[in-house]
Amino acid sequence: MFKVKKILSIIILFFPWKIRRFFLIKIWKYDIHSEARIGFSYIYPRMLKMAKGSEIGHLNVAVNLELMVLGENASIARLNWITGFPVNSESLHFKHQKERRSELILGDNSAITKHHHIDCTNQVNIGSYVTIAGYYSQLLTHSINIEDNRQDSKPIKIGDYSFIGTNSVILGGAVLPSYSVLGAKALLNKAYEEEYVLYGGIPAKPVTALTKDAKYFKRTEGYVY
């Protein structure tokens, strides 16, 4: 059955969306709203949930995740590489992390633009009204633990209404609070708590306070025109 699904996953890429959606629901048991859509992309986590108005554009790849969730009107543009590492894998990697979850959670009205790499070996939880902007940002939840000489992973959390500048790097264990901005080319490698702050630099640190009246933080629609 696995080999059949693998072959079918490639064949149905060329089918019209309505027919593809039928197969994804009936065979893969995905939960895809009738008003959600996937373009010409290879999206095959173990479970996929797409709410009303959510969209995945062309030439994206999402594989080896346990769960991928897109909230209402959430979007992933194009040419993004989204990877995970199965929890029940026979590999020796991450065996010590019994609670690890290989997931991407994208909240309502949030957007991932293009040419980003999101490593979901551990959970990447992106809140609502968030923008992963520009190009070539990396969200990396796993690396080698030098002290223990083994692969290790930690989750990443990005709060509501935050903004990630182009070409940034966010490492496992990092938290960007709600109503925050991560400056372009920054390296976020720790958990912060203070909201309405611009974080920037290598490693990222608080740079300046942001006004709470900024219109970006008060949006009722995800897309910024």
N, C-alpha and C. Protein backbone atom coordinates (compact mmCIF):
# COMPACT_ATOMS: atom_id res chain seq x y z
N MET A 1 0.83 -1.20 0.00
CA MET A 1 0.00 0.00 0.00
C MET A 1 0.86 1.26 0.00
N PHE A 2 1.98 1.22 0.75
CA PHE A 2 2.87 2.38 0.82
C PHE A 2 3.41 2.74 -0.56
N LYS A 3 3.87 1.69 -1.31
CA LYS A 3 4.42 1.95 -2.64
C LYS A 3 3.36 2.49 -3.59
N VAL A 4 2.13 1.99 -3.46
CA VAL A 4 1.04 2.46 -4.31
C VAL A 4 0.76 3.93 -4.03
N LYS A 5 0.70 4.30 -2.75
CA LYS A 5 0.45 5.70 -2.39
C LYS A 5 1.58 6.60 -2.86
N LYS A 6 2.81 6.09 -2.81
CA LYS A 6 3.96 6.88 -3.26
C LYS A 6 3.86 7.18 -4.74
N ILE A 7 3.53 6.19 -5.52
CA ILE A 7 3.38 6.39 -6.96
C ILE A 7 2.20 7.31 -7.24
N LEU A 8 1.10 7.08 -6.55
CA LEU A 8 -0.10 7.89 -6.75
C LEU A 8 0.14 9.35 -6.36
N SER A 9 0.96 9.57 -5.33
CA SER A 9 1.22 10.93 -4.88
C SER A 9 1.86 11.76 -5.98
N ILE A 10 2.65 11.12 -6.84
CA ILE A 10 3.28 11.83 -7.95
C ILE A 10 2.30 12.00 -9.11
N ILE A 11 1.55 10.94 -9.40
CA ILE A 11 0.62 10.99 -10.54
C ILE A 11 -0.43 12.07 -10.35
N ILE A 12 -1.01 12.16 -9.15
CA ILE A 12 -2.12 13.09 -8.96
C ILE A 12 -1.67 14.55 -8.93
N LEU A 13 -0.37 14.81 -8.88
CA LEU A 13 0.11 16.20 -8.97
C LEU A 13 -0.37 16.87 -10.24
N PHE A 14 -0.60 16.08 -11.27
CA PHE A 14 -0.97 16.63 -12.57
C PHE A 14 -2.49 16.67 -12.77
N PHE A 15 -3.24 16.26 -11.77
CA PHE A 15 -4.69 16.29 -11.86
C PHE A 15 -5.23 17.67 -11.50
N PRO A 16 -6.41 18.04 -12.00
CA PRO A 16 -7.06 19.28 -11.55
C PRO A 16 -7.28 19.23 -10.05
N TRP A 17 -7.30 20.42 -9.41
CA TRP A 17 -7.34 20.48 -7.96
C TRP A 17 -8.53 19.73 -7.36
N LYS A 18 -9.70 19.85 -7.94
CA LYS A 18 -10.88 19.19 -7.36
C LYS A 18 -10.69 17.67 -7.30
N ILE A 19 -10.08 17.11 -8.33
CA ILE A 19 -9.85 15.66 -8.34
C ILE A 19 -8.75 15.30 -7.34
N ARG A 20 -7.69 16.14 -7.30
CA ARG A 20 -6.61 15.90 -6.34
C ARG A 20 -7.14 15.94 -4.91
N ARG A 21 -7.98 16.94 -4.63
CA ARG A 21 -8.55 17.07 -3.28
C ARG A 21 -9.35 15.82 -2.91
N PHE A 22 -10.09 15.28 -3.87
CA PHE A 22 -10.87 14.06 -3.63
C PHE A 22 -9.95 12.92 -3.20
N PHE A 23 -8.84 12.72 -3.91
CA PHE A 23 -7.90 11.65 -3.56
C PHE A 23 -7.25 11.90 -2.19
N LEU A 24 -6.88 13.16 -1.93
CA LEU A 24 -6.22 13.48 -0.66
C LEU A 24 -7.13 13.24 0.53
N ILE A 25 -8.41 13.45 0.34
CA ILE A 25 -9.37 13.22 1.43
C ILE A 25 -9.70 11.74 1.56
N LYS A 26 -9.94 11.08 0.45
CA LYS A 26 -10.39 9.69 0.49
C LYS A 26 -9.27 8.70 0.79
N ILE A 27 -8.10 8.94 0.24
CA ILE A 27 -7.00 7.98 0.41
C ILE A 27 -6.07 8.37 1.54
N TRP A 28 -5.68 9.64 1.57
CA TRP A 28 -4.76 10.08 2.63
C TRP A 28 -5.50 10.50 3.91
N LYS A 29 -6.83 10.61 3.84
CA LYS A 29 -7.66 10.98 4.99
C LYS A 29 -7.35 12.38 5.50
N TYR A 30 -6.91 13.27 4.61
CA TYR A 30 -6.64 14.65 5.00
C TYR A 30 -7.95 15.41 5.23
N ASP A 31 -7.86 16.45 6.02
CA ASP A 31 -9.01 17.31 6.33
C ASP A 31 -8.80 18.64 5.61
N ILE A 32 -9.36 18.77 4.41
CA ILE A 32 -9.15 19.94 3.56
C ILE A 32 -10.49 20.60 3.27
N HIS A 33 -10.65 21.84 3.69
CA HIS A 33 -11.90 22.57 3.48
C HIS A 33 -12.16 22.75 1.98
N SER A 34 -13.41 22.82 1.63
CA SER A 34 -13.78 22.96 0.21
C SER A 34 -13.26 24.26 -0.40
N GLU A 35 -12.98 25.26 0.44
CA GLU A 35 -12.47 26.54 -0.05
C GLU A 35 -10.97 26.70 0.19
N ALA A 36 -10.29 25.59 0.49
CA ALA A 36 -8.83 25.59 0.59
C ALA A 36 -8.26 25.08 -0.74
N ARG A 37 -6.97 25.34 -0.97
CA ARG A 37 -6.40 24.96 -2.25
C ARG A 37 -4.90 24.70 -2.14
N ILE A 38 -4.43 23.73 -2.92
CA ILE A 38 -3.00 23.45 -3.07
C ILE A 38 -2.64 23.55 -4.54
N GLY A 39 -1.58 24.29 -4.87
CA GLY A 39 -1.12 24.40 -6.24
C GLY A 39 -0.29 23.18 -6.64
N PHE A 40 0.60 23.39 -7.59
CA PHE A 40 1.46 22.30 -8.06
C PHE A 40 2.60 22.13 -7.06
N SER A 41 2.32 21.41 -5.98
CA SER A 41 3.26 21.23 -4.88
C SER A 41 3.16 19.81 -4.34
N TYR A 42 4.28 19.32 -3.80
CA TYR A 42 4.33 17.98 -3.23
C TYR A 42 4.18 18.10 -1.72
N ILE A 43 2.94 17.96 -1.24
CA ILE A 43 2.60 18.19 0.16
C ILE A 43 2.04 16.90 0.75
N TYR A 44 2.89 16.15 1.49
CA TYR A 44 2.45 14.86 2.00
C TYR A 44 2.93 14.60 3.43
N PRO A 45 2.43 15.38 4.40
CA PRO A 45 2.65 15.00 5.80
C PRO A 45 1.77 13.80 6.13
N ARG A 46 1.95 13.22 7.32
CA ARG A 46 1.07 12.12 7.71
C ARG A 46 -0.37 12.60 7.82
N MET A 47 -0.58 13.80 8.39
CA MET A 47 -1.91 14.39 8.46
C MET A 47 -1.83 15.86 8.05
N LEU A 48 -2.75 16.27 7.20
CA LEU A 48 -2.84 17.65 6.73
C LEU A 48 -4.22 18.19 7.05
N LYS A 49 -4.25 19.38 7.68
CA LYS A 49 -5.52 20.05 7.97
C LYS A 49 -5.45 21.46 7.40
N MET A 50 -6.38 21.77 6.50
CA MET A 50 -6.43 23.09 5.88
C MET A 50 -7.82 23.69 6.08
N ALA A 51 -7.85 24.84 6.75
CA ALA A 51 -9.12 25.49 7.05
C ALA A 51 -9.59 26.34 5.87
N LYS A 52 -10.75 26.91 6.01
CA LYS A 52 -11.37 27.72 4.96
C LYS A 52 -10.44 28.85 4.51
N GLY A 53 -10.28 28.97 3.20
CA GLY A 53 -9.49 30.06 2.63
C GLY A 53 -7.99 29.86 2.68
N SER A 54 -7.52 28.76 3.25
CA SER A 54 -6.07 28.53 3.30
C SER A 54 -5.56 28.09 1.93
N GLU A 55 -4.29 28.37 1.69
CA GLU A 55 -3.76 28.11 0.35
C GLU A 55 -2.26 27.79 0.40
N ILE A 56 -1.87 26.81 -0.41
CA ILE A 56 -0.46 26.48 -0.63
C ILE A 56 -0.19 26.67 -2.12
N GLY A 57 0.78 27.51 -2.45
CA GLY A 57 1.06 27.82 -3.85
C GLY A 57 1.85 26.74 -4.57
N HIS A 58 2.55 27.16 -5.61
CA HIS A 58 3.27 26.22 -6.47
C HIS A 58 4.68 25.92 -5.97
N LEU A 59 5.16 24.73 -6.32
CA LEU A 59 6.55 24.33 -6.16
C LEU A 59 7.03 24.33 -4.71
N ASN A 60 6.13 23.97 -3.81
CA ASN A 60 6.50 23.73 -2.43
C ASN A 60 6.66 22.23 -2.20
N VAL A 61 7.50 21.88 -1.22
CA VAL A 61 7.64 20.49 -0.81
C VAL A 61 7.47 20.43 0.70
N ALA A 62 6.62 19.50 1.17
CA ALA A 62 6.45 19.26 2.60
C ALA A 62 6.38 17.76 2.82
N VAL A 63 7.41 17.20 3.45
CA VAL A 63 7.50 15.75 3.63
C VAL A 63 8.02 15.40 5.02
N ASN A 64 7.67 14.19 5.45
CA ASN A 64 8.16 13.59 6.70
C ASN A 64 7.68 14.28 7.97
N LEU A 65 6.60 15.04 7.87
CA LEU A 65 5.98 15.65 9.05
C LEU A 65 4.87 14.73 9.55
N GLU A 66 4.64 14.77 10.85
CA GLU A 66 3.50 14.07 11.42
C GLU A 66 2.20 14.84 11.19
N LEU A 67 2.30 16.17 11.28
CA LEU A 67 1.09 17.00 11.19
C LEU A 67 1.45 18.35 10.59
N MET A 68 0.57 18.82 9.70
CA MET A 68 0.71 20.15 9.11
C MET A 68 -0.67 20.80 9.15
N VAL A 69 -0.78 21.96 9.79
CA VAL A 69 -2.06 22.64 9.97
C VAL A 69 -1.98 24.05 9.42
N LEU A 70 -2.92 24.43 8.57
CA LEU A 70 -3.06 25.80 8.11
C LEU A 70 -4.41 26.32 8.58
N GLY A 71 -4.40 27.41 9.35
CA GLY A 71 -5.62 28.02 9.83
C GLY A 71 -6.35 28.77 8.73
N GLU A 72 -7.45 29.42 9.08
CA GLU A 72 -8.25 30.14 8.09
C GLU A 72 -7.41 31.21 7.40
N ASN A 73 -7.47 31.21 6.08
CA ASN A 73 -6.80 32.20 5.23
C ASN A 73 -5.28 32.21 5.38
N ALA A 74 -4.73 31.18 5.98
CA ALA A 74 -3.27 31.07 6.05
C ALA A 74 -2.73 30.71 4.66
N SER A 75 -1.49 31.14 4.39
CA SER A 75 -0.96 30.89 3.05
C SER A 75 0.53 30.57 3.08
N ILE A 76 0.91 29.70 2.17
CA ILE A 76 2.32 29.39 1.90
C ILE A 76 2.52 29.65 0.42
N ALA A 77 3.37 30.60 0.07
CA ALA A 77 3.43 31.07 -1.31
C ALA A 77 4.05 30.04 -2.26
N ARG A 78 5.34 30.05 -2.45
CA ARG A 78 5.93 29.11 -3.41
C ARG A 78 7.40 28.88 -3.08
N LEU A 79 7.89 27.76 -3.60
CA LEU A 79 9.31 27.40 -3.52
C LEU A 79 9.82 27.31 -2.09
N ASN A 80 8.98 26.82 -1.19
CA ASN A 80 9.40 26.60 0.19
C ASN A 80 9.70 25.12 0.41
N TRP A 81 10.69 24.84 1.24
CA TRP A 81 11.11 23.48 1.55
C TRP A 81 10.79 23.23 3.01
N ILE A 82 9.83 22.35 3.28
CA ILE A 82 9.35 22.08 4.63
C ILE A 82 9.58 20.60 4.93
N THR A 83 10.42 20.34 5.92
CA THR A 83 10.79 18.96 6.21
C THR A 83 10.54 18.62 7.67
N GLY A 84 10.43 17.33 7.95
CA GLY A 84 10.30 16.86 9.32
C GLY A 84 11.11 15.61 9.52
N PHE A 85 10.84 14.93 10.64
CA PHE A 85 11.47 13.64 10.91
C PHE A 85 10.45 12.80 11.66
N PRO A 86 9.98 11.71 11.06
CA PRO A 86 8.89 10.93 11.66
C PRO A 86 9.17 10.52 13.10
N VAL A 87 8.16 10.64 13.93
CA VAL A 87 8.30 10.33 15.36
C VAL A 87 8.56 8.85 15.57
N ASN A 88 7.94 8.00 14.79
CA ASN A 88 8.07 6.55 14.98
C ASN A 88 9.11 5.93 14.04
N SER A 89 10.06 6.73 13.61
CA SER A 89 11.09 6.23 12.72
C SER A 89 11.95 5.16 13.41
N GLU A 90 12.46 4.23 12.64
CA GLU A 90 13.36 3.21 13.18
C GLU A 90 14.77 3.75 13.37
N SER A 91 15.02 4.95 12.89
CA SER A 91 16.34 5.55 13.04
C SER A 91 16.67 5.78 14.52
N LEU A 92 17.96 5.79 14.83
CA LEU A 92 18.40 6.06 16.19
C LEU A 92 18.33 7.55 16.54
N HIS A 93 18.18 8.40 15.51
CA HIS A 93 18.09 9.83 15.76
C HIS A 93 16.88 10.16 16.61
N PHE A 94 17.06 10.98 17.63
CA PHE A 94 16.00 11.56 18.46
C PHE A 94 15.23 10.52 19.29
N LYS A 95 15.78 9.32 19.44
CA LYS A 95 15.10 8.29 20.23
C LYS A 95 14.93 8.73 21.69
N HIS A 96 15.82 9.59 22.16
CA HIS A 96 15.76 10.04 23.54
C HIS A 96 14.66 11.07 23.77
N GLN A 97 14.06 11.59 22.70
CA GLN A 97 13.03 12.63 22.81
C GLN A 97 11.64 12.03 22.60
N LYS A 98 11.11 11.45 23.66
CA LYS A 98 9.83 10.74 23.57
C LYS A 98 8.66 11.68 23.29
N GLU A 99 8.78 12.94 23.69
CA GLU A 99 7.68 13.90 23.52
C GLU A 99 7.82 14.75 22.26
N ARG A 100 8.80 14.48 21.45
CA ARG A 100 9.02 15.28 20.24
C ARG A 100 7.83 15.20 19.29
N ARG A 101 7.48 16.35 18.70
CA ARG A 101 6.39 16.38 17.72
C ARG A 101 6.89 17.04 16.44
N SER A 102 6.80 16.31 15.34
CA SER A 102 7.25 16.83 14.05
C SER A 102 6.06 17.49 13.35
N GLU A 103 5.87 18.79 13.64
CA GLU A 103 4.65 19.47 13.21
C GLU A 103 4.94 20.89 12.72
N LEU A 104 4.11 21.35 11.79
CA LEU A 104 4.06 22.76 11.43
C LEU A 104 2.64 23.24 11.66
N ILE A 105 2.50 24.23 12.56
CA ILE A 105 1.22 24.83 12.84
C ILE A 105 1.28 26.28 12.37
N LEU A 106 0.44 26.63 11.40
CA LEU A 106 0.39 27.99 10.86
C LEU A 106 -0.98 28.57 11.16
N GLY A 107 -1.00 29.63 11.98
CA GLY A 107 -2.26 30.18 12.48
C GLY A 107 -3.07 30.94 11.44
N ASP A 108 -4.26 31.36 11.85
CA ASP A 108 -5.17 32.09 10.97
C ASP A 108 -4.50 33.33 10.40
N ASN A 109 -4.70 33.56 9.10
CA ASN A 109 -4.27 34.78 8.42
C ASN A 109 -2.75 34.99 8.45
N SER A 110 -1.99 33.93 8.65
CA SER A 110 -0.53 34.04 8.62
C SER A 110 -0.01 33.64 7.25
N ALA A 111 1.19 34.16 6.92
CA ALA A 111 1.74 33.94 5.58
C ALA A 111 3.21 33.58 5.63
N ILE A 112 3.57 32.54 4.89
CA ILE A 112 4.96 32.22 4.61
C ILE A 112 5.18 32.58 3.15
N THR A 113 6.12 33.46 2.86
CA THR A 113 6.25 33.94 1.49
C THR A 113 6.97 32.91 0.61
N LYS A 114 8.22 33.14 0.22
CA LYS A 114 8.84 32.20 -0.72
C LYS A 114 10.33 31.99 -0.46
N HIS A 115 10.79 30.82 -0.90
CA HIS A 115 12.21 30.43 -0.80
C HIS A 115 12.68 30.31 0.64
N HIS A 116 11.83 29.81 1.53
CA HIS A 116 12.24 29.60 2.91
C HIS A 116 12.43 28.11 3.18
N HIS A 117 13.23 27.79 4.20
CA HIS A 117 13.40 26.40 4.64
C HIS A 117 12.91 26.30 6.08
N ILE A 118 11.94 25.42 6.30
CA ILE A 118 11.38 25.23 7.63
C ILE A 118 11.59 23.78 8.04
N ASP A 119 12.46 23.59 9.02
CA ASP A 119 12.79 22.26 9.53
C ASP A 119 11.90 21.96 10.72
N CYS A 120 10.99 21.02 10.54
CA CYS A 120 10.02 20.66 11.58
C CYS A 120 10.36 19.33 12.23
N THR A 121 11.66 19.08 12.45
CA THR A 121 12.03 17.90 13.23
C THR A 121 11.33 17.94 14.58
N ASN A 122 11.23 19.15 15.15
CA ASN A 122 10.39 19.41 16.31
C ASN A 122 9.34 20.45 15.88
N GLN A 123 8.39 20.72 16.74
CA GLN A 123 7.27 21.56 16.34
C GLN A 123 7.68 23.00 16.03
N VAL A 124 7.17 23.51 14.91
CA VAL A 124 7.25 24.93 14.59
C VAL A 124 5.83 25.47 14.70
N ASN A 125 5.61 26.32 15.68
CA ASN A 125 4.28 26.85 15.97
C ASN A 125 4.26 28.33 15.65
N ILE A 126 3.57 28.69 14.59
CA ILE A 126 3.50 30.08 14.11
C ILE A 126 2.09 30.58 14.39
N GLY A 127 1.98 31.67 15.13
CA GLY A 127 0.68 32.19 15.54
C GLY A 127 -0.13 32.79 14.41
N SER A 128 -1.13 33.57 14.75
CA SER A 128 -2.02 34.20 13.78
C SER A 128 -1.49 35.57 13.36
N TYR A 129 -1.82 35.96 12.12
CA TYR A 129 -1.42 37.27 11.57
C TYR A 129 0.09 37.47 11.57
N VAL A 130 0.82 36.41 11.31
CA VAL A 130 2.28 36.44 11.25
C VAL A 130 2.73 36.49 9.79
N THR A 131 3.84 37.18 9.52
CA THR A 131 4.42 37.18 8.18
C THR A 131 5.85 36.69 8.24
N ILE A 132 6.13 35.58 7.56
CA ILE A 132 7.51 35.15 7.32
C ILE A 132 7.87 35.76 5.99
N ALA A 133 8.52 36.92 6.02
CA ALA A 133 8.63 37.78 4.85
C ALA A 133 9.90 37.52 4.04
N GLY A 134 9.97 38.18 2.89
CA GLY A 134 11.18 38.16 2.09
C GLY A 134 11.55 36.78 1.57
N TYR A 135 12.86 36.48 1.60
CA TYR A 135 13.40 35.25 1.03
C TYR A 135 14.43 34.62 1.98
N TYR A 136 14.61 33.31 1.82
CA TYR A 136 15.76 32.57 2.35
C TYR A 136 15.90 32.56 3.86
N SER A 137 14.80 32.70 4.59
CA SER A 137 14.89 32.50 6.04
C SER A 137 14.92 31.01 6.34
N GLN A 138 15.54 30.66 7.48
CA GLN A 138 15.64 29.27 7.91
C GLN A 138 15.13 29.15 9.34
N LEU A 139 14.20 28.23 9.54
CA LEU A 139 13.72 27.88 10.88
C LEU A 139 14.20 26.46 11.13
N LEU A 140 15.17 26.30 12.03
CA LEU A 140 15.87 25.04 12.19
C LEU A 140 15.69 24.51 13.61
N THR A 141 14.93 23.43 13.75
CA THR A 141 14.63 22.92 15.08
C THR A 141 15.62 21.86 15.55
N HIS A 142 16.51 21.39 14.69
CA HIS A 142 17.43 20.34 15.13
C HIS A 142 18.87 20.68 14.79
N SER A 143 19.77 20.10 15.56
CA SER A 143 21.20 20.26 15.33
C SER A 143 21.93 19.18 16.15
N ILE A 144 23.26 19.19 16.10
CA ILE A 144 24.04 18.23 16.88
C ILE A 144 24.31 18.81 18.27
N ASN A 145 24.00 18.03 19.29
CA ASN A 145 24.33 18.38 20.66
C ASN A 145 25.77 17.96 20.92
N ILE A 146 26.67 18.93 20.97
CA ILE A 146 28.10 18.64 21.10
C ILE A 146 28.40 17.95 22.43
N GLU A 147 27.75 18.39 23.51
CA GLU A 147 28.03 17.83 24.83
C GLU A 147 27.69 16.34 24.91
N ASP A 148 26.53 15.99 24.33
CA ASP A 148 26.06 14.60 24.39
C ASP A 148 26.40 13.79 23.15
N ASN A 149 26.95 14.46 22.13
CA ASN A 149 27.34 13.79 20.89
C ASN A 149 26.17 13.03 20.26
N ARG A 150 25.07 13.76 20.07
CA ARG A 150 23.91 13.16 19.42
C ARG A 150 23.03 14.25 18.80
N GLN A 151 22.19 13.83 17.88
CA GLN A 151 21.22 14.75 17.29
C GLN A 151 20.19 15.15 18.34
N ASP A 152 19.87 16.44 18.38
CA ASP A 152 18.91 16.94 19.36
C ASP A 152 17.97 17.92 18.68
N SER A 153 16.81 18.17 19.28
CA SER A 153 15.87 19.12 18.68
C SER A 153 15.08 19.85 19.76
N LYS A 154 14.65 21.06 19.41
CA LYS A 154 13.80 21.86 20.29
C LYS A 154 12.78 22.60 19.44
N PRO A 155 11.59 22.85 19.98
CA PRO A 155 10.56 23.54 19.20
C PRO A 155 10.87 25.02 19.00
N ILE A 156 10.20 25.61 18.03
CA ILE A 156 10.25 27.05 17.77
C ILE A 156 8.83 27.60 17.91
N LYS A 157 8.71 28.75 18.56
CA LYS A 157 7.40 29.38 18.70
C LYS A 157 7.47 30.84 18.26
N ILE A 158 6.54 31.23 17.40
CA ILE A 158 6.44 32.61 16.90
C ILE A 158 5.06 33.13 17.26
N GLY A 159 5.02 34.22 18.00
CA GLY A 159 3.76 34.75 18.52
C GLY A 159 2.92 35.48 17.48
N ASP A 160 1.68 35.75 17.85
CA ASP A 160 0.72 36.43 16.97
C ASP A 160 1.23 37.80 16.53
N TYR A 161 0.87 38.18 15.31
CA TYR A 161 1.14 39.53 14.78
C TYR A 161 2.64 39.86 14.72
N SER A 162 3.48 38.86 14.68
CA SER A 162 4.91 39.14 14.56
C SER A 162 5.32 39.16 13.09
N PHE A 163 6.52 39.69 12.86
CA PHE A 163 7.03 39.86 11.49
C PHE A 163 8.47 39.37 11.46
N ILE A 164 8.77 38.46 10.53
CA ILE A 164 10.11 37.90 10.39
C ILE A 164 10.74 38.51 9.14
N GLY A 165 11.82 39.26 9.31
CA GLY A 165 12.49 39.89 8.18
C GLY A 165 13.22 38.89 7.30
N THR A 166 13.56 39.32 6.10
CA THR A 166 14.18 38.46 5.11
C THR A 166 15.51 37.88 5.56
N ASN A 167 15.78 36.64 5.13
CA ASN A 167 17.09 36.00 5.32
C ASN A 167 17.47 35.88 6.80
N SER A 168 16.48 35.59 7.64
CA SER A 168 16.73 35.41 9.07
C SER A 168 16.94 33.93 9.38
N VAL A 169 17.54 33.66 10.54
CA VAL A 169 17.71 32.29 11.02
C VAL A 169 17.12 32.21 12.42
N ILE A 170 16.25 31.23 12.62
CA ILE A 170 15.64 30.99 13.93
C ILE A 170 15.97 29.56 14.33
N LEU A 171 16.59 29.40 15.50
CA LEU A 171 17.06 28.09 15.93
C LEU A 171 16.12 27.46 16.96
N GLY A 172 16.24 26.15 17.12
CA GLY A 172 15.42 25.42 18.08
C GLY A 172 15.51 26.00 19.48
N GLY A 173 14.37 26.09 20.14
CA GLY A 173 14.29 26.67 21.47
C GLY A 173 13.99 28.15 21.48
N ALA A 174 14.03 28.79 20.31
CA ALA A 174 13.78 30.23 20.22
C ALA A 174 12.28 30.53 20.32
N VAL A 175 11.98 31.66 20.91
CA VAL A 175 10.61 32.18 20.98
C VAL A 175 10.65 33.65 20.58
N LEU A 176 9.86 34.02 19.58
CA LEU A 176 9.66 35.42 19.23
C LEU A 176 8.28 35.80 19.75
N PRO A 177 8.21 36.76 20.68
CA PRO A 177 6.91 37.08 21.29
C PRO A 177 5.93 37.68 20.28
N SER A 178 4.67 37.69 20.66
CA SER A 178 3.64 38.34 19.85
C SER A 178 3.96 39.83 19.70
N TYR A 179 3.47 40.42 18.63
CA TYR A 179 3.63 41.86 18.37
C TYR A 179 5.11 42.26 18.35
N SER A 180 5.91 41.45 17.68
CA SER A 180 7.35 41.70 17.62
C SER A 180 7.82 41.66 16.18
N VAL A 181 8.99 42.24 15.94
CA VAL A 181 9.63 42.21 14.63
C VAL A 181 11.03 41.62 14.80
N LEU A 182 11.38 40.68 13.93
CA LEU A 182 12.74 40.16 13.86
C LEU A 182 13.37 40.76 12.62
N GLY A 183 14.42 41.57 12.81
CA GLY A 183 15.04 42.28 11.70
C GLY A 183 15.68 41.37 10.68
N ALA A 184 15.87 41.91 9.47
CA ALA A 184 16.47 41.15 8.38
C ALA A 184 17.85 40.63 8.76
N LYS A 185 18.14 39.40 8.36
CA LYS A 185 19.42 38.72 8.57
C LYS A 185 19.76 38.52 10.05
N ALA A 186 18.76 38.53 10.90
CA ALA A 186 19.00 38.31 12.32
C ALA A 186 19.13 36.82 12.61
N LEU A 187 19.74 36.51 13.75
CA LEU A 187 19.84 35.13 14.24
C LEU A 187 19.17 35.08 15.60
N LEU A 188 18.00 34.44 15.65
CA LEU A 188 17.28 34.31 16.92
C LEU A 188 17.57 32.94 17.50
N ASN A 189 18.24 32.91 18.67
CA ASN A 189 18.65 31.63 19.24
C ASN A 189 18.25 31.47 20.70
N LYS A 190 17.32 32.29 21.18
CA LYS A 190 16.86 32.16 22.55
C LYS A 190 15.39 32.57 22.65
N ALA A 191 14.80 32.32 23.80
CA ALA A 191 13.38 32.64 24.02
C ALA A 191 13.26 34.02 24.66
N TYR A 192 12.53 34.90 23.98
CA TYR A 192 12.24 36.22 24.54
C TYR A 192 10.77 36.29 24.95
N GLU A 193 10.45 37.26 25.79
CA GLU A 193 9.09 37.40 26.30
C GLU A 193 8.48 38.78 26.04
N GLU A 194 9.31 39.80 25.88
CA GLU A 194 8.80 41.17 25.80
C GLU A 194 8.19 41.46 24.43
N GLU A 195 6.94 41.89 24.43
CA GLU A 195 6.22 42.20 23.20
C GLU A 195 6.50 43.64 22.75
N TYR A 196 6.08 43.96 21.51
CA TYR A 196 6.25 45.29 20.93
C TYR A 196 7.71 45.73 20.94
N VAL A 197 8.58 44.82 20.48
CA VAL A 197 10.01 45.08 20.44
C VAL A 197 10.55 44.65 19.08
N LEU A 198 11.49 45.43 18.54
CA LEU A 198 12.27 45.02 17.37
C LEU A 198 13.50 44.30 17.88
N TYR A 199 13.64 43.03 17.47
CA TYR A 199 14.82 42.24 17.81
C TYR A 199 15.70 42.15 16.56
N GLY A 200 17.00 42.29 16.74
CA GLY A 200 17.88 42.23 15.58
C GLY A 200 19.30 41.91 15.97
N GLY A 201 20.10 41.58 14.96
CA GLY A 201 21.51 41.32 15.20
C GLY A 201 21.84 39.84 15.25
N ILE A 202 23.14 39.54 15.45
CA ILE A 202 23.64 38.17 15.53
C ILE A 202 24.48 38.04 16.80
N PRO A 203 23.97 37.39 17.84
CA PRO A 203 22.60 36.88 17.97
C PRO A 203 21.61 38.02 18.19
N ALA A 204 20.33 37.74 17.95
CA ALA A 204 19.31 38.78 18.07
C ALA A 204 19.11 39.22 19.52
N LYS A 205 19.01 40.54 19.68
CA LYS A 205 18.76 41.14 20.99
C LYS A 205 17.72 42.24 20.82
N PRO A 206 17.08 42.68 21.90
CA PRO A 206 16.15 43.81 21.80
C PRO A 206 16.88 45.05 21.27
N VAL A 207 16.31 45.68 20.25
CA VAL A 207 16.94 46.86 19.65
C VAL A 207 16.18 48.13 20.02
N THR A 208 14.87 48.10 19.83
CA THR A 208 14.08 49.29 20.13
C THR A 208 12.63 48.90 20.38
N ALA A 209 11.91 49.72 21.13
CA ALA A 209 10.49 49.48 21.38
C ALA A 209 9.68 49.86 20.15
N LEU A 210 8.58 49.17 19.93
CA LEU A 210 7.68 49.45 18.83
C LEU A 210 6.38 50.04 19.35
N THR A 211 5.78 50.95 18.59
CA THR A 211 4.53 51.56 19.01
C THR A 211 3.39 50.55 18.97
N LYS A 212 2.58 50.56 19.98
CA LYS A 212 1.44 49.65 20.03
C LYS A 212 0.33 50.06 19.07
N ASP A 213 0.43 51.28 18.53
CA ASP A 213 -0.59 51.77 17.60
C ASP A 213 -0.26 51.43 16.14
N ALA A 214 0.85 50.74 15.91
CA ALA A 214 1.21 50.38 14.54
C ALA A 214 0.08 49.59 13.88
N LYS A 215 -0.28 49.97 12.66
CA LYS A 215 -1.42 49.36 11.98
C LYS A 215 -1.21 47.87 11.71
N TYR A 216 0.05 47.46 11.55
CA TYR A 216 0.32 46.03 11.32
C TYR A 216 -0.19 45.18 12.47
N PHE A 217 -0.12 45.70 13.68
CA PHE A 217 -0.53 44.95 14.87
C PHE A 217 -2.04 44.97 15.09
N LYS A 218 -2.76 45.69 14.25
CA LYS A 218 -4.21 45.79 14.43
C LYS A 218 -4.98 45.27 13.22
N ARG A 219 -4.31 44.53 12.37
CA ARG A 219 -4.94 44.04 11.15
C ARG A 219 -6.09 43.08 11.43
N THR A 220 -7.09 43.13 10.59
CA THR A 220 -8.17 42.15 10.62
C THR A 220 -8.10 41.22 9.42
N GLU A 221 -7.16 41.49 8.50
CA GLU A 221 -6.90 40.63 7.36
C GLU A 221 -5.42 40.31 7.35
N GLY A 222 -5.11 39.09 6.89
CA GLY A 222 -3.73 38.67 6.93
C GLY A 222 -2.86 39.31 5.88
N TYR A 223 -3.38 39.43 4.65
CA TYR A 223 -2.57 39.91 3.55
C TYR A 223 -2.36 41.41 3.67
N VAL A 224 -1.10 41.84 3.47
CA VAL A 224 -0.77 43.27 3.53
C VAL A 224 -0.63 43.79 2.11
N TYR A 225 -1.47 44.75 1.74
CA TYR A 225 -1.46 45.29 0.37
C TYR A 225 -0.45 46.41 0.24
